[in-house]
C-alpha atoms as a PDB file:
ATOM      1  CA  UNK A   1      -1.932  17.810   7.122  1.00  0.00           C
ATOM      2  CA  UNK A   2      -4.090  15.245   9.318  1.00  0.00           C
ATOM      3  CA  UNK A   3      -5.538  13.275   6.777  1.00  0.00           C
ATOM      4  CA  UNK A   4      -2.112  13.032   4.270  1.00  0.00           C
ATOM      5  CA  UNK A   5      -0.752  11.132   8.080  1.00  0.00           C
ATOM      6  CA  UNK A   6      -3.489   8.768   8.228  1.00  0.00           C
ATOM      7  CA  UNK A   7      -3.751   8.259   4.143  1.00  0.00           C
ATOM      8  CA  UNK A   8      -0.463   6.837   4.049  1.00  0.00           C
ATOM      9  CA  UNK A   9      -0.847   3.954   6.498  1.00  0.00           C
ATOM     10  CA  UNK A  10      -4.071   3.230   4.751  1.00  0.00           C
ATOM     11  CA  UNK A  11      -2.295   3.358   1.203  1.00  0.00           C
ATOM     12  CA  UNK A  12       0.728   0.954   2.279  1.00  0.00           C
ATOM     13  CA  UNK A  13      -1.338  -1.494   3.865  1.00  0.00           C
ATOM     14  CA  UNK A  14      -3.480  -1.323   0.724  1.00  0.00           C
ATOM     15  CA  UNK A  15       0.327  -1.937  -1.535  1.00  0.00           C
ATOM     16  CA  UNK A  16       0.886  -4.720   0.923  1.00  0.00           C
ATOM     17  CA  UNK A  17      -2.215  -6.509   0.873  1.00  0.00           C
ATOM     18  CA  UNK A  18      -1.880  -6.200  -3.178  1.00  0.00           C
ATOM     19  CA  UNK A  19       1.821  -7.729  -3.469  1.00  0.00           C
ATOM     20  CA  UNK A  20       0.719 -10.740  -0.941  1.00  0.00           C
ATOM     21  CA  UNK A  21      -2.284 -11.345  -3.325  1.00  0.00           C
ATOM     22  CA  UNK A  22       0.039 -11.108  -6.467  1.00  0.00           C
ATOM     23  CA  UNK A  23       2.918 -13.378  -4.693  1.00  0.00           C
ATOM     24  CA  UNK A  24      -0.026 -15.948  -3.341  1.00  0.00           C
ATOM     25  CA  UNK A  25      -1.547 -16.161  -6.935  1.00  0.00           C
ATOM     26  CA  UNK A  26       1.858 -17.158  -8.327  1.00  0.00           C
ATOM     27  CA  UNK A  27       1.880 -19.943  -6.091  1.00  0.00           C
ATOM     28  CA  UNK A  28      -1.727 -21.490  -5.547  1.00  0.00           C
ATOM     29  CA  UNK A  29      -4.447 -20.747  -7.899  1.00  0.00           C
ATOM     30  CA  UNK A  30      -7.695 -19.172  -5.716  1.00  0.00           C
ATOM     31  CA  UNK A  31     -10.650 -21.118  -4.938  1.00  0.00           C
ATOM     32  CA  UNK A  32     -14.221 -20.242  -6.120  1.00  0.00           C
ATOM     33  CA  UNK A  33     -15.773 -21.722  -3.022  1.00  0.00           C
ATOM     34  CA  UNK A  34     -15.181 -22.589   1.180  1.00  0.00           C
ATOM     35  CA  UNK A  35     -17.005 -25.028   2.749  1.00  0.00           C
ATOM     36  CA  UNK A  36     -18.461 -23.773   5.600  1.00  0.00           C
ATOM     37  CA  UNK A  37     -17.935 -26.705   7.849  1.00  0.00           C
ATOM     38  CA  UNK A  38     -14.345 -26.138   7.598  1.00  0.00           C
ATOM     39  CA  UNK A  39     -14.791 -22.139   8.086  1.00  0.00           C
ATOM     40  CA  UNK A  40     -12.951 -21.871  11.988  1.00  0.00           C
ATOM     41  CA  UNK A  41     -13.307 -18.006  11.862  1.00  0.00           C
ATOM     42  CA  UNK A  42     -12.852 -14.643  10.075  1.00  0.00           C
ATOM     43  CA  UNK A  43     -10.703 -11.741  10.637  1.00  0.00           C
ATOM     44  CA  UNK A  44     -11.797  -8.245   8.294  1.00  0.00           C
ATOM     45  CA  UNK A  45      -8.512  -6.347   7.752  1.00  0.00           C
ATOM     46  CA  UNK A  46     -10.516  -3.321   5.998  1.00  0.00           C
ATOM     47  CA  UNK A  47     -13.048  -2.456   4.086  1.00  0.00           C
ATOM     48  CA  UNK A  48     -12.010  -4.448   1.316  1.00  0.00           C
ATOM     49  CA  UNK A  49      -9.887  -7.712   2.951  1.00  0.00           C
ATOM     50  CA  UNK A  50     -10.742 -10.384   5.022  1.00  0.00           C
ATOM     51  CA  UNK A  51      -9.069 -13.483   6.313  1.00  0.00           C
ATOM     52  CA  UNK A  52     -10.792 -16.355   5.964  1.00  0.00           C
ATOM     53  CA  UNK A  53      -9.246 -19.172   8.781  1.00  0.00           C
ATOM     54  CA  UNK A  54     -10.362 -22.975   8.158  1.00  0.00           C
ATOM     55  CA  UNK A  55     -10.027 -25.864  10.291  1.00  0.00           C
ATOM     56  CA  UNK A  56      -6.825 -27.571   9.774  1.00  0.00           C
ATOM     57  CA  UNK A  57      -4.422 -23.857  10.046  1.00  0.00           C
ATOM     58  CA  UNK A  58      -5.600 -22.946   6.243  1.00  0.00           C
ATOM     59  CA  UNK A  59      -6.182 -19.332   5.595  1.00  0.00           C
ATOM     60  CA  UNK A  60      -7.900 -17.612   2.731  1.00  0.00           C
ATOM     61  CA  UNK A  61      -7.858 -14.567   1.559  1.00  0.00           C
ATOM     62  CA  UNK A  62     -10.825 -12.722   0.209  1.00  0.00           C
ATOM     63  CA  UNK A  63     -10.058  -9.308  -1.680  1.00  0.00           C
ATOM     64  CA  UNK A  64     -13.825  -7.894  -2.121  1.00  0.00           C
ATOM     65  CA  UNK A  65     -14.013  -6.553  -5.721  1.00  0.00           C
ATOM     66  CA  UNK A  66     -15.036  -3.176  -4.034  1.00  0.00           C
ATOM     67  CA  UNK A  67     -14.794  -1.584  -0.599  1.00  0.00           C
ATOM     68  CA  UNK A  68     -17.833  -2.655   1.564  1.00  0.00           C
ATOM     69  CA  UNK A  69     -18.922   0.594   3.425  1.00  0.00           C
ATOM     70  CA  UNK A  70     -18.709   0.307   7.729  1.00  0.00           C
ATOM     71  CA  UNK A  71     -17.219  -3.626   7.200  1.00  0.00           C
ATOM     72  CA  UNK A  72     -13.995  -2.948   9.468  1.00  0.00           C
ATOM     73  CA  UNK A  73     -15.428  -0.254  11.712  1.00  0.00           C
ATOM     74  CA  UNK A  74     -18.442  -2.626  12.591  1.00  0.00           C
ATOM     75  CA  UNK A  75     -16.447  -5.926  12.751  1.00  0.00           C
ATOM     76  CA  UNK A  76     -19.104  -8.100  11.663  1.00  0.00           C
ATOM     77  CA  UNK A  77     -21.183  -9.284   9.053  1.00  0.00           C
ATOM     78  CA  UNK A  78     -23.834 -12.029   8.052  1.00  0.00           C
ATOM     79  CA  UNK A  79     -24.384 -14.238   4.806  1.00  0.00           C
ATOM     80  CA  UNK A  80     -27.374 -16.234   3.538  1.00  0.00           C
ATOM     81  CA  UNK A  81     -26.122 -19.145   1.651  1.00  0.00           C
ATOM     82  CA  UNK A  82     -28.221 -22.160  -0.222  1.00  0.00           C
ATOM     83  CA  UNK A  83     -25.711 -24.749  -0.135  1.00  0.00           C
ATOM     84  CA  UNK A  84     -23.426 -25.715   3.364  1.00  0.00           C
ATOM     85  CA  UNK A  85     -20.432 -23.218   0.980  1.00  0.00           C
ATOM     86  CA  UNK A  86     -19.422 -19.720   0.601  1.00  0.00           C
ATOM     87  CA  UNK A  87     -18.446 -18.325  -2.846  1.00  0.00           C
ATOM     88  CA  UNK A  88     -16.729 -15.519  -4.716  1.00  0.00           C
ATOM     89  CA  UNK A  89     -20.213 -13.743  -5.826  1.00  0.00           C
ATOM     90  CA  UNK A  90     -21.743 -14.278  -2.930  1.00  0.00           C
ATOM     91  CA  UNK A  91     -23.172 -11.908  -0.700  1.00  0.00           C
ATOM     92  CA  UNK A  92     -21.744 -10.798   3.032  1.00  0.00           C
ATOM     93  CA  UNK A  93     -23.863  -7.915   4.707  1.00  0.00           C
ATOM     94  CA  UNK A  94     -22.551  -6.092   7.559  1.00  0.00           C
ATOM     95  CA  UNK A  95     -24.696  -5.781  10.679  1.00  0.00           C
ATOM     96  CA  UNK A  96     -24.872  -2.536  12.596  1.00  0.00           C
ATOM     97  CA  UNK A  97     -25.060  -2.303  16.393  1.00  0.00           C
ATOM     98  CA  UNK A  98     -28.249  -0.393  16.523  1.00  0.00           C
ATOM     99  CA  UNK A  99     -28.410  -0.037  20.304  1.00  0.00           C
ATOM    100  CA  UNK A 100     -31.568  -1.608  20.667  1.00  0.00           C
ATOM    101  CA  UNK A 101     -30.480  -4.344  18.553  1.00  0.00           C
ATOM    102  CA  UNK A 102     -28.590  -5.326  15.633  1.00  0.00           C
ATOM    103  CA  UNK A 103     -29.583  -3.780  11.621  1.00  0.00           C
ATOM    104  CA  UNK A 104     -28.810  -5.377   8.564  1.00  0.00           C
ATOM    105  CA  UNK A 105     -26.276  -2.575   6.408  1.00  0.00           C
ATOM    106  CA  UNK A 106     -24.966  -2.669   3.152  1.00  0.00           C
ATOM    107  CA  UNK A 107     -23.986  -5.607   1.082  1.00  0.00           C
ATOM    108  CA  UNK A 108     -21.191  -6.635  -0.628  1.00  0.00           C
ATOM    109  CA  UNK A 109     -19.879  -9.157  -2.987  1.00  0.00           C
ATOM    110  CA  UNK A 110     -16.813 -11.345  -1.981  1.00  0.00           C
ATOM    111  CA  UNK A 111     -14.046 -12.425  -4.114  1.00  0.00           C
ATOM    112  CA  UNK A 112     -12.348 -15.435  -4.757  1.00  0.00           C
ATOM    113  CA  UNK A 113     -10.618 -17.380  -1.980  1.00  0.00           C
ATOM    114  CA  UNK A 114      -6.425 -17.119  -2.002  1.00  0.00           C
ATOM    115  CA  UNK A 115      -4.990 -19.735   0.339  1.00  0.00           C
ATOM    116  CA  UNK A 116      -2.330 -17.830   1.802  1.00  0.00           C
ATOM    117  CA  UNK A 117       0.378 -18.874   4.485  1.00  0.00           C
ATOM    118  CA  UNK A 118       0.364 -17.925   8.154  1.00  0.00           C
ATOM    119  CA  UNK A 119       2.814 -15.990   8.215  1.00  0.00           C
ATOM    120  CA  UNK A 120       1.362 -13.781   5.656  1.00  0.00           C
ATOM    121  CA  UNK A 121      -2.135 -13.623   7.390  1.00  0.00           C
ATOM    122  CA  UNK A 122      -0.165 -12.459  10.849  1.00  0.00           C
ATOM    123  CA  UNK A 123       1.348  -9.707   8.682  1.00  0.00           C
ATOM    124  CA  UNK A 124      -1.884  -8.464   7.496  1.00  0.00           C
ATOM    125  CA  UNK A 125      -3.243  -8.312  10.745  1.00  0.00           C
ATOM    126  CA  UNK A 126      -0.454  -6.532  12.434  1.00  0.00           C
ATOM    127  CA  UNK A 127      -0.666  -4.334   9.742  1.00  0.00           C
ATOM    128  CA  UNK A 128      -4.703  -3.506  10.571  1.00  0.00           C
ATOM    129  CA  UNK A 129      -3.037  -3.309  14.268  1.00  0.00           C
ATOM    130  CA  UNK A 130      -0.538  -0.468  13.846  1.00  0.00           C
ATOM    131  CA  UNK A 131      -2.896   1.607  11.432  1.00  0.00           C
ATOM    132  CA  UNK A 132      -5.625   1.316  14.430  1.00  0.00           C
ATOM    133  CA  UNK A 133      -2.725   2.672  16.573  1.00  0.00           C
ATOM    134  CA  UNK A 134      -1.384   4.788  14.601  1.00  0.00           C
ATOM    135  CA  UNK A 135      -5.362   6.761  13.919  1.00  0.00           C
ATOM    136  CA  UNK A 136      -5.710   7.290  17.585  1.00  0.00           C
ATOM    137  CA  UNK A 137      -2.508   8.989  18.118  1.00  0.00           C
END
């Protein structure tokens, strides 16, 4: 019974993300790349969804083509690029805290970068907080 309770908020979040992405795609086309000089910070929503906060208050939603194991639980990743930009199809690698140092985990492909509003980004962040609180209960 408990597994169903945890599954419902996760499914609701997934539907919410898809809904936001669908609405955003209608307004502004996705971008293939973001400049690393514009990148300010990132926020991991779940194992398949990330927010890229750009300088100047722009926010990009990146929905990975498939789940990236442990991305959300570890909360950190790295990337290697040749140019000064991060693009769809580039790989990110989850970083584990191995207790004696950091260790590379699975590598996952990025999706396209969808511009979204600050309000939508805050709703996604709030949804993650609500799921974390529900899982702790």
